[in-house]
C-alpha cells in the first residue's frame, strides 16, 4: 500500500457515481449509487489490492428490481498528480474480470457515511453467490495515472 493510502473514503467514478468505502483493518464494506443503480461491495485487502464481491440493485421499472452480482478488484494507486485512484475491473458471477474496467478517484475532503459495519468474517470476499452482469461498463474518462 502506498504511504498515506487507505481504501477508506469517498470515491467518484463516472460510471458508478459516488462510492463510500469503510475499512476496518483488512475488511472493507462500501456502497455506491448513481441514478437508478445502488450497489454494495464487501471485500478484503491484501497489500494494495482490494478483492471484493459486489451486489447491485437496479429498478428501471417501478416495483420490478433487477439484482445482479459478481466479483472484482481494485488496485490502489497514487498518480503523478498526487491524487489517489482505484484502478480495477469487475466480473460476472464468480469471475473478477471480464465485465469491464472500474476506475475511481478519491474525494479528499469527504468522509464516508455508511450505516452498516464492515464484515466481521475473516474472508469477506469468499463464498458462493449466483448473479449476472451489472448494468453498464463505461470507463472513467479523463483519469491520468
Foldseek 3Di string as FASTA:
>chain_A
DPVPDDPAAWKAFPWFGIKGWDDDPFWIKIWTHDDQKIKIWIFGDDDQKTKIKMWMWGPPDPPDIAIFIWIAMWGWDQAPVRWIKTWIAPDHFDDHHDQEITMITGPVPGGGDDPDDTDPDPGRRDDGDHGGHDPDHDHRPPDDD
